[in-house]
Amino acid sequence: MRHPPDEADRTAALLSACLMEAARGRARTAAHLRVRGPGALPTMLAQGLFTAVAALVVLRLVHGL
């Protein structure tokens, strides 16, 4: 049986959704700009990694995983 979500659960879900939407926006922006040339792939990978790490840190701080 699941427990009803409390304030911390709702906050963590909201932050996760915001970060995911930001990551999608960044991906769309990169696609529209058609980033090319030397260093484009490492830059995009670094941005994605930073977003993922930031999301995990925020979830850990808020949710206490």
Protein backbone atom coordinates (compact mmCIF):
# COMPACT_ATOMS: atom_id res chain seq x y z
CA MET A 1 0.00 0.00 0.00
CA ARG A 2 1.42 3.37 -1.00
CA HIS A 3 1.48 6.31 1.35
CA PRO A 4 -0.04 9.60 0.21
CA PRO A 5 2.55 12.04 -1.15
CA ASP A 6 3.76 14.63 1.31
CA GLU A 7 5.17 18.10 0.63
CA ALA A 8 8.73 16.83 0.07
CA ASP A 9 7.52 14.28 -2.51
CA ARG A 10 5.59 16.93 -4.41
CA THR A 11 8.54 19.34 -4.31
CA ALA A 12 10.95 16.69 -5.58
CA ALA A 13 8.58 15.75 -8.41
CA LEU A 14 8.15 19.40 -9.39
CA LEU A 15 11.91 20.05 -9.44
CA SER A 16 12.49 16.88 -11.43
CA ALA A 17 9.89 17.92 -14.00
CA CYS A 18 11.42 21.41 -14.28
CA LEU A 19 14.92 20.02 -14.80
CA MET A 20 13.70 17.53 -17.40
CA GLU A 21 11.93 20.29 -19.30
CA ALA A 22 15.08 22.43 -19.16
CA ALA A 23 17.10 19.52 -20.56
CA ARG A 24 14.58 19.07 -23.38
CA GLY A 25 14.74 22.79 -24.12
CA ARG A 26 18.52 22.68 -24.24
CA ALA A 27 18.39 19.75 -26.65
CA ARG A 28 15.88 21.55 -28.90
CA THR A 29 18.02 24.71 -28.86
CA ALA A 30 21.13 22.74 -29.82
CA ALA A 31 19.23 21.07 -32.65
CA HIS A 32 17.91 24.40 -33.94
CA LEU A 33 21.34 26.01 -33.82
CA ARG A 34 22.87 22.95 -35.49
CA VAL A 35 25.96 23.08 -33.36
CA ARG A 36 28.87 21.88 -35.44
CA GLY A 37 32.59 22.01 -35.56
CA PRO A 38 35.37 20.93 -33.25
CA GLY A 39 34.31 20.72 -29.64
CA ALA A 40 30.55 20.67 -30.32
CA LEU A 41 29.98 17.06 -29.21
CA PRO A 42 32.00 17.31 -25.97
CA THR A 43 30.22 20.57 -25.12
CA MET A 44 26.78 19.03 -25.62
CA LEU A 45 27.76 15.93 -23.63
CA ALA A 46 29.08 18.11 -20.81
CA GLN A 47 25.83 20.09 -20.73
CA GLY A 48 23.77 16.91 -20.57
CA LEU A 49 25.98 15.46 -17.85
CA PHE A 50 25.79 18.68 -15.84
CA THR A 51 21.99 18.69 -16.08
CA ALA A 52 21.77 15.06 -14.95
CA VAL A 53 24.16 15.61 -12.03
CA ALA A 54 22.36 18.79 -10.97
CA ALA A 55 19.01 16.96 -11.03
CA LEU A 56 20.38 14.15 -8.86
CA VAL A 57 21.92 16.61 -6.38
CA VAL A 58 18.70 18.59 -6.08
CA LEU A 59 16.63 15.44 -5.64
CA ARG A 60 19.03 14.15 -3.02
CA LEU A 61 18.94 17.44 -1.10
CA VAL A 62 15.17 17.80 -1.28
CA HIS A 63 14.12 14.19 -0.96
CA GLY A 64 16.94 12.87 1.20
CA LEU A 65 17.61 9.76 -0.89
